[in-house]
Amino acid sequence: MVWGQRKRFADGKVTVPFKRFLGYDMGPDRNLVVNPDQAKIVKRIYGLFLQVKAPHTIAKTLTDEPETFTAAGNEKWNPSTIKSILTNEKYKGDALLQKSYTVDFLTKEKKANEGEIPQYYVKGNHEAIIEPEIFDLVQKQMALRTKGNNRRRSTSIFSSKIICGDCGSFYGSKVWHSNTKYRRTVWRCNHKYGNEEKCQTLHLTEDEIKEVFIKATNQLVDMKDEVISNYEDMKEMLFGTAQLESEQGKLEDELNEVAGLIEDCINENARVALDQAEYEKRYNGLVERFDKANGRLEEIKEQITERQARGQQIEMFLKDLEKVGVVEQFDEDLFLVLVESVQVGRDKMVVRFKDGTEVEG
């Protein structure tokens, strides 16, 4: 039975074993058929993500909306569900088969496939809900998300946006005088007292942050024609990938050549009684050469992905900027779309927009 199923996969014949899959119903051939009502929710999730809203924020937004249900019919959405939807290739019409496999057919225990068994990728298997270009853009944007101690969080639109100019840590919200009539919320460096020297940067109210954004954005609007023109002049130098792609092609040729030499080396040793010390030296040298080229190839691929994603992010930013006029009041969506970060110093704040332009607020 296992062999038969894998043979079907290898032949490109897809059946998707699912009970609930947001955006799709099971068709008569057990393949995916678009559910129009649910597909609107999926498109909305991708749209919100491209507005720079994180899975946590998207989950909260959908949970707060009446009659917006998960595939299981729940009103509460989880960030993990949102992330799964944003990374599932089936939404662009393709199907990656055997992502997991059954370890023991008696206990039905399953395990994520990490190379133990073959995987099969079928392109254009069913009708797409998300355009492939949009899906690929979302994957590139996800690759830009930072990790580590300063990883991005989404409990507020200002989370992971406000940066301490002294130590580089994110600002967080703190409640002062919580049990008195003077209670108020301020934003300050999360590590203000965590370093040997206490950070001397300003603490801010949300109203002060909003005022700085409005002031900086209006300055950016005044010079937007110049910003757009500068990008057109510089985009090939900053985000072009032709040279990297050329190196990628050479490295792939190198890997194919070395793989052939390794195979020839092994076959020769099997046919002829070679000096084993010489054989091992030759074999290890080829493997080292292969690993070095493969390591560099992975670096190149990562650089290409990062450049393409960054370039697409800036082009989206400039399209949004073209539509912006004079800002008179704070707009949450506009803040998320335009602002990369706000760096707070001891006596000033600098707003860094997504194209790299910095404006003192």
Protein backbone atom coordinates (compact mmCIF):
# COMPACT_ATOMS: atom_id res chain seq x y z
CA MET A 1 0.00 0.00 0.00
CA VAL A 2 2.83 2.40 0.85
CA TRP A 3 4.59 1.58 -2.43
CA GLY A 4 1.38 2.11 -4.39
CA GLN A 5 0.75 5.50 -2.80
CA ARG A 6 4.31 6.67 -3.44
CA LYS A 7 4.10 5.47 -7.04
CA ARG A 8 0.99 7.62 -7.48
CA PHE A 9 2.85 10.60 -6.00
CA ALA A 10 5.81 10.02 -8.33
CA ASP A 11 3.41 9.94 -11.30
CA GLY A 12 1.96 13.31 -10.23
CA LYS A 13 -1.41 11.88 -9.19
CA VAL A 14 -2.50 13.81 -6.12
CA THR A 15 -5.08 13.06 -3.49
CA VAL A 16 -5.02 15.26 -0.43
CA PRO A 17 -5.97 13.50 2.84
CA PHE A 18 -7.78 16.22 4.77
CA LYS A 19 -10.95 16.79 6.74
CA ARG A 20 -10.74 20.58 7.06
CA PHE A 21 -8.74 22.92 4.86
CA LEU A 22 -9.57 26.63 4.90
CA GLY A 23 -10.39 27.88 1.41
CA TYR A 24 -10.94 24.48 -0.14
CA ASP A 25 -13.46 21.65 -0.17
CA MET A 26 -12.81 18.05 -1.14
CA GLY A 27 -13.73 17.40 -4.78
CA PRO A 28 -15.11 14.13 -6.21
CA ASP A 29 -11.56 12.96 -7.00
CA ARG A 30 -10.40 13.80 -3.44
CA ASN A 31 -8.51 16.80 -4.77
CA LEU A 32 -8.93 20.46 -3.78
CA VAL A 33 -11.84 22.58 -5.00
CA VAL A 34 -12.04 26.30 -4.05
CA ASN A 35 -14.62 27.30 -1.46
CA PRO A 36 -15.39 30.92 -2.53
CA ASP A 37 -16.48 32.20 0.89
CA GLN A 38 -13.48 30.77 2.72
CA ALA A 39 -11.14 31.87 -0.09
CA LYS A 40 -11.98 35.49 0.76
CA ILE A 41 -10.64 34.94 4.28
CA VAL A 42 -7.42 33.42 2.92
CA LYS A 43 -6.91 36.38 0.58
CA ARG A 44 -7.55 38.74 3.47
CA ILE A 45 -4.87 37.01 5.57
CA TYR A 46 -2.29 37.43 2.79
CA GLY A 47 -3.35 41.05 2.30
CA LEU A 48 -2.99 41.85 6.00
CA PHE A 49 0.45 40.24 6.10
CA LEU A 50 1.62 42.36 3.17
CA GLN A 51 0.41 45.40 5.12
CA VAL A 52 3.18 44.45 7.56
CA LYS A 53 0.86 42.87 10.10
CA ALA A 54 2.32 39.87 11.93
CA PRO A 55 0.51 36.53 12.46
CA HIS A 56 -0.36 37.49 16.07
CA THR A 57 -2.02 40.74 14.93
CA ILE A 58 -3.85 39.03 12.06
CA ALA A 59 -5.15 36.33 14.44
CA LYS A 60 -6.44 39.00 16.85
CA THR A 61 -8.06 40.96 14.01
CA LEU A 62 -9.94 37.90 12.72
CA THR A 63 -10.92 36.76 16.22
CA ASP A 64 -12.46 40.17 16.91
CA GLU A 65 -14.57 40.04 13.75
CA PRO A 66 -18.00 38.40 13.93
CA GLU A 67 -18.62 35.28 11.85
CA THR A 68 -15.03 34.88 10.66
CA PHE A 69 -14.36 31.23 11.43
CA THR A 70 -11.35 28.94 11.14
CA ALA A 71 -11.50 25.77 9.05
CA ALA A 72 -12.58 23.92 12.20
CA GLY A 73 -15.43 26.39 12.73
CA ASN A 74 -13.80 28.17 15.69
CA GLU A 75 -14.12 31.90 16.31
CA LYS A 76 -10.68 32.12 17.96
CA TRP A 77 -7.71 32.27 15.60
CA ASN A 78 -4.18 31.28 16.62
CA PRO A 79 -0.96 32.81 15.24
CA SER A 80 0.26 29.30 14.35
CA THR A 81 -2.82 28.82 12.15
CA ILE A 82 -2.13 32.11 10.37
CA LYS A 83 1.53 31.18 9.81
CA SER A 84 0.52 27.79 8.43
CA ILE A 85 -1.84 29.45 5.93
CA LEU A 86 0.85 31.92 4.89
CA THR A 87 3.39 29.16 4.17
CA ASN A 88 1.22 26.45 2.61
CA GLU A 89 2.07 26.04 -1.08
CA LYS A 90 -1.39 24.64 -1.81
CA TYR A 91 -2.78 28.17 -1.78
CA LYS A 92 -0.81 28.93 -4.96
CA GLY A 93 -2.11 25.78 -6.66
CA ASP A 94 0.83 23.47 -6.00
CA ALA A 95 1.14 20.42 -3.76
CA LEU A 96 4.14 19.19 -1.79
CA LEU A 97 3.48 15.55 -0.99
CA GLN A 98 4.72 13.51 1.96
CA LYS A 99 5.49 16.41 4.30
CA SER A 100 5.01 13.82 7.05
CA TYR A 101 4.85 10.06 7.14
CA THR A 102 3.55 7.26 9.36
CA VAL A 103 6.31 5.82 11.54
CA ASP A 104 4.23 2.89 12.83
CA PHE A 105 1.11 1.77 10.99
CA LEU A 106 -0.20 0.11 14.16
CA THR A 107 0.04 3.14 16.45
CA LYS A 108 -0.55 5.61 13.57
CA GLU A 109 2.35 7.68 14.89
CA LYS A 110 3.34 10.40 12.39
CA LYS A 111 6.59 12.33 11.99
CA ALA A 112 7.62 15.36 9.94
CA ASN A 113 9.56 14.23 6.88
CA GLU A 114 13.12 15.52 7.23
CA GLY A 115 14.52 13.60 4.30
CA GLU A 116 13.84 10.08 5.53
CA ILE A 117 11.52 9.38 2.57
CA PRO A 118 11.11 11.05 -0.86
CA GLN A 119 8.95 14.15 -1.28
CA TYR A 120 7.14 15.06 -4.49
CA TYR A 121 6.25 18.57 -5.65
CA VAL A 122 3.36 18.89 -8.11
CA LYS A 123 2.94 22.30 -9.80
CA GLY A 124 -0.48 23.51 -10.94
CA ASN A 125 -2.26 20.66 -9.21
CA HIS A 126 -5.47 22.60 -8.50
CA GLU A 127 -7.00 26.08 -8.74
CA ALA A 128 -4.98 28.67 -6.84
CA ILE A 129 -6.46 31.10 -4.32
CA ILE A 130 -3.28 33.21 -4.11
CA GLU A 131 -1.33 34.26 -7.20
CA PRO A 132 2.08 32.46 -7.23
CA GLU A 133 3.89 35.82 -7.39
CA ILE A 134 2.07 37.02 -4.25
CA PHE A 135 2.73 33.72 -2.44
CA ASP A 136 6.45 33.90 -3.28
CA LEU A 137 6.59 37.55 -2.16
CA VAL A 138 5.09 36.58 1.21
CA GLN A 139 7.77 33.87 1.65
CA LYS A 140 10.49 36.42 0.93
CA GLN A 141 8.97 38.91 3.35
CA MET A 142 8.88 36.23 6.05
CA ALA A 143 12.57 35.57 5.43
CA LEU A 144 13.27 39.21 6.34
CA ARG A 145 11.69 38.91 9.78
CA THR A 146 14.37 39.20 12.46
CA LYS A 147 15.13 36.61 15.14
CA GLY A 148 16.94 36.62 18.45
CA ASN A 149 16.67 38.82 21.53
CA ASN A 150 15.17 41.69 19.55
CA ARG A 151 12.73 39.50 17.60
CA ARG A 152 9.59 41.26 16.36
CA ARG A 153 6.47 41.06 18.48
CA SER A 154 2.98 42.34 17.72
CA THR A 155 1.13 43.13 20.94
CA SER A 156 0.87 46.75 19.76
CA ILE A 157 1.49 48.56 16.49
CA PHE A 158 4.48 50.17 18.22
CA SER A 159 5.99 46.83 19.34
CA SER A 160 9.30 46.12 17.57
CA LYS A 161 9.21 49.57 15.97
CA ILE A 162 10.64 51.85 18.67
CA ILE A 163 14.40 51.40 19.23
CA CYS A 164 16.62 52.71 22.00
CA GLY A 165 19.45 54.86 20.63
CA ASP A 166 21.70 53.96 23.59
CA CYS A 167 21.64 50.15 23.57
CA GLY A 168 19.66 49.19 20.45
CA SER A 169 16.92 47.30 22.32
CA PHE A 170 13.24 47.64 21.53
CA TYR A 171 10.98 49.87 23.57
CA GLY A 172 8.10 48.31 25.48
CA SER A 173 5.00 49.73 27.17
CA LYS A 174 5.08 50.26 30.96
CA VAL A 175 2.28 51.30 33.29
CA TRP A 176 3.11 54.04 35.79
CA HIS A 177 1.11 54.68 38.99
CA SER A 178 -1.13 51.73 38.15
CA ASN A 179 -3.26 51.95 41.31
CA THR A 180 -3.74 55.71 41.43
CA LYS A 181 -5.65 58.35 39.53
CA TYR A 182 -2.34 59.30 37.84
CA ARG A 183 -2.13 55.94 36.04
CA ARG A 184 -0.68 56.22 32.53
CA THR A 185 1.13 54.10 29.95
CA VAL A 186 4.54 55.09 28.66
CA TRP A 187 7.06 53.52 26.28
CA ARG A 188 10.67 53.11 27.33
CA CYS A 189 13.70 50.91 26.58
CA ASN A 190 13.07 47.30 27.67
CA HIS A 191 16.68 47.05 28.89
CA LYS A 192 16.90 50.51 30.47
CA TYR A 193 18.06 49.00 33.76
CA GLY A 194 19.50 45.78 32.33
CA ASN A 195 22.89 47.14 31.26
CA GLU A 196 25.88 48.30 33.29
CA GLU A 197 25.02 51.87 32.34
CA LYS A 198 21.38 52.91 32.57
CA CYS A 199 20.02 54.05 29.20
CA GLN A 200 19.41 57.79 29.15
CA THR A 201 16.98 57.79 26.24
CA LEU A 202 13.57 59.45 26.42
CA HIS A 203 10.42 57.77 27.63
CA LEU A 204 7.39 58.48 25.43
CA THR A 205 3.63 58.48 25.50
CA GLU A 206 1.70 57.05 22.56
CA ASP A 207 0.49 60.56 21.68
CA GLU A 208 4.10 61.74 21.42
CA ILE A 209 4.99 58.83 19.11
CA LYS A 210 1.99 59.61 16.92
CA GLU A 211 2.91 63.30 16.70
CA VAL A 212 6.46 62.44 15.62
CA PHE A 213 5.12 60.08 12.94
CA ILE A 214 2.76 62.73 11.52
CA LYS A 215 5.53 65.36 11.44
CA ALA A 216 8.09 63.01 9.83
CA THR A 217 5.61 61.64 7.28
CA ASN A 218 4.64 65.11 6.10
CA GLN A 219 8.33 65.92 5.60
CA LEU A 220 8.68 62.70 3.57
CA VAL A 221 5.60 63.59 1.47
CA ASP A 222 7.19 66.96 0.63
CA MET A 223 10.19 65.18 -0.93
CA LYS A 224 8.52 62.02 -2.25
CA ASP A 225 9.23 62.82 -5.93
CA GLU A 226 12.93 63.00 -5.12
CA VAL A 227 12.76 59.76 -3.06
CA ILE A 228 11.07 57.87 -5.92
CA SER A 229 13.54 59.24 -8.49
CA ASN A 230 16.54 58.28 -6.35
CA TYR A 231 15.26 54.73 -6.01
CA GLU A 232 14.90 54.34 -9.78
CA ASP A 233 18.50 55.50 -10.22
CA MET A 234 19.88 53.20 -7.52
CA LYS A 235 17.72 50.07 -7.56
CA GLU A 236 19.90 48.01 -9.90
CA MET A 237 23.04 48.73 -7.88
CA LEU A 238 21.33 48.09 -4.53
CA PHE A 239 18.99 45.20 -5.37
CA GLY A 240 20.13 43.77 -8.70
CA THR A 241 20.89 40.04 -8.64
CA ALA A 242 22.43 39.45 -12.09
CA GLN A 243 25.98 39.09 -10.77
CA LEU A 244 24.86 36.81 -7.93
CA GLU A 245 22.80 34.68 -10.32
CA SER A 246 25.82 34.35 -12.61
CA GLU A 247 27.90 33.10 -9.68
CA GLN A 248 25.06 30.77 -8.71
CA GLY A 249 25.11 29.20 -12.18
CA LYS A 250 28.89 28.67 -12.02
CA LEU A 251 28.63 27.08 -8.57
CA GLU A 252 25.87 24.73 -9.73
CA ASP A 253 28.07 23.68 -12.68
CA GLU A 254 30.94 23.17 -10.23
CA LEU A 255 28.81 20.97 -7.99
CA ASN A 256 27.68 18.82 -10.93
CA GLU A 257 31.28 18.43 -12.09
CA VAL A 258 32.60 17.52 -8.64
CA ALA A 259 29.73 15.10 -8.01
CA GLY A 260 30.69 13.33 -11.22
CA LEU A 261 34.36 13.20 -10.17
CA ILE A 262 33.39 11.73 -6.78
CA GLU A 263 31.28 9.06 -8.47
CA ASP A 264 34.14 8.23 -10.88
CA CYS A 265 36.56 8.03 -7.96
CA ILE A 266 34.31 5.59 -6.07
CA ASN A 267 33.72 3.45 -9.17
CA GLU A 268 37.44 3.31 -9.98
CA ASN A 269 38.23 2.18 -6.45
CA ALA A 270 35.63 -0.56 -6.77
CA ARG A 271 37.14 -1.82 -10.06
CA VAL A 272 40.87 -1.42 -9.46
CA ALA A 273 43.05 -2.18 -6.44
CA LEU A 274 44.12 1.38 -5.62
CA ASP A 275 46.40 2.53 -2.85
CA GLN A 276 43.80 3.24 -0.16
CA ALA A 277 45.74 6.09 1.41
CA GLU A 278 45.93 7.83 -1.99
CA TYR A 279 42.26 7.02 -2.66
CA GLU A 280 41.12 8.51 0.65
CA LYS A 281 43.21 11.64 0.07
CA ARG A 282 41.71 12.10 -3.40
CA TYR A 283 38.17 11.31 -2.23
CA ASN A 284 38.35 13.62 0.81
CA GLY A 285 39.75 16.42 -1.36
CA LEU A 286 36.80 16.14 -3.74
CA VAL A 287 34.29 16.06 -0.87
CA GLU A 288 35.90 19.14 0.66
CA ARG A 289 35.69 20.90 -2.70
CA PHE A 290 32.02 19.93 -3.02
CA ASP A 291 31.16 21.11 0.50
CA LYS A 292 32.93 24.45 -0.03
CA ALA A 293 31.07 25.12 -3.28
CA ASN A 294 27.77 24.00 -1.76
CA GLY A 295 28.25 26.28 1.26
CA ARG A 296 28.93 29.25 -0.99
CA LEU A 297 25.90 28.35 -3.13
CA GLU A 298 23.63 28.48 -0.07
CA GLU A 299 25.06 31.91 0.82
CA ILE A 300 24.39 33.16 -2.72
CA LYS A 301 20.82 31.88 -2.71
CA GLU A 302 20.18 33.60 0.62
CA GLN A 303 21.62 36.88 -0.67
CA ILE A 304 19.46 36.69 -3.82
CA THR A 305 16.32 36.03 -1.77
CA GLU A 306 17.13 38.87 0.61
CA ARG A 307 17.83 41.37 -2.18
CA GLN A 308 14.68 40.45 -4.10
CA ALA A 309 12.55 40.66 -0.97
CA ARG A 310 14.05 43.98 0.07
CA GLY A 311 13.57 45.41 -3.42
CA GLN A 312 9.95 44.27 -3.56
CA GLN A 313 9.34 45.69 -0.10
CA ILE A 314 10.63 49.10 -1.15
CA GLU A 315 8.63 49.10 -4.38
CA MET A 316 5.48 48.36 -2.36
CA PHE A 317 6.45 51.19 0.00
CA LEU A 318 6.89 53.65 -2.88
CA LYS A 319 3.53 52.70 -4.40
CA ASP A 320 1.89 53.41 -1.05
CA LEU A 321 3.85 56.64 -0.65
CA GLU A 322 2.63 57.92 -4.04
CA LYS A 323 -0.95 57.84 -2.72
CA VAL A 324 -0.18 59.72 0.51
CA GLY A 325 -1.04 63.41 0.85
CA VAL A 326 -0.71 65.70 3.84
CA VAL A 327 -1.29 63.69 7.04
CA GLU A 328 -3.43 65.51 9.58
CA GLN A 329 -4.16 62.71 12.04
CA PHE A 330 -2.56 59.43 13.03
CA ASP A 331 -3.45 56.44 10.86
CA GLU A 332 -2.50 53.01 12.23
CA ASP A 333 -2.37 51.28 8.83
CA LEU A 334 -0.24 54.06 7.35
CA PHE A 335 2.21 53.77 10.25
CA LEU A 336 2.58 50.03 9.68
CA VAL A 337 2.98 50.41 5.92
CA LEU A 338 5.51 53.26 5.93
CA VAL A 339 7.66 52.97 9.07
CA GLU A 340 10.56 50.59 9.50
CA SER A 341 11.58 51.90 12.93
CA VAL A 342 11.75 54.95 15.20
CA GLN A 343 15.09 55.46 16.91
CA VAL A 344 14.88 57.36 20.18
CA GLY A 345 17.88 59.35 21.37
CA ARG A 346 18.48 61.41 24.49
CA ASP A 347 17.05 64.58 22.98
CA LYS A 348 15.55 63.65 19.60
CA MET A 349 13.78 60.94 17.59
CA VAL A 350 14.56 59.76 14.06
CA VAL A 351 11.92 58.00 11.94
CA ARG A 352 13.39 55.47 9.49
CA PHE A 353 11.01 54.66 6.64
CA LYS A 354 10.96 51.37 4.76
CA ASP A 355 13.02 52.69 1.86
CA GLY A 356 15.82 53.69 4.24
CA THR A 357 14.97 57.42 4.30
CA GLU A 358 15.52 58.91 7.76
CA VAL A 359 13.64 61.98 8.98
CA GLU A 360 14.10 63.68 12.34
CA GLY A 361 10.76 64.09 14.06
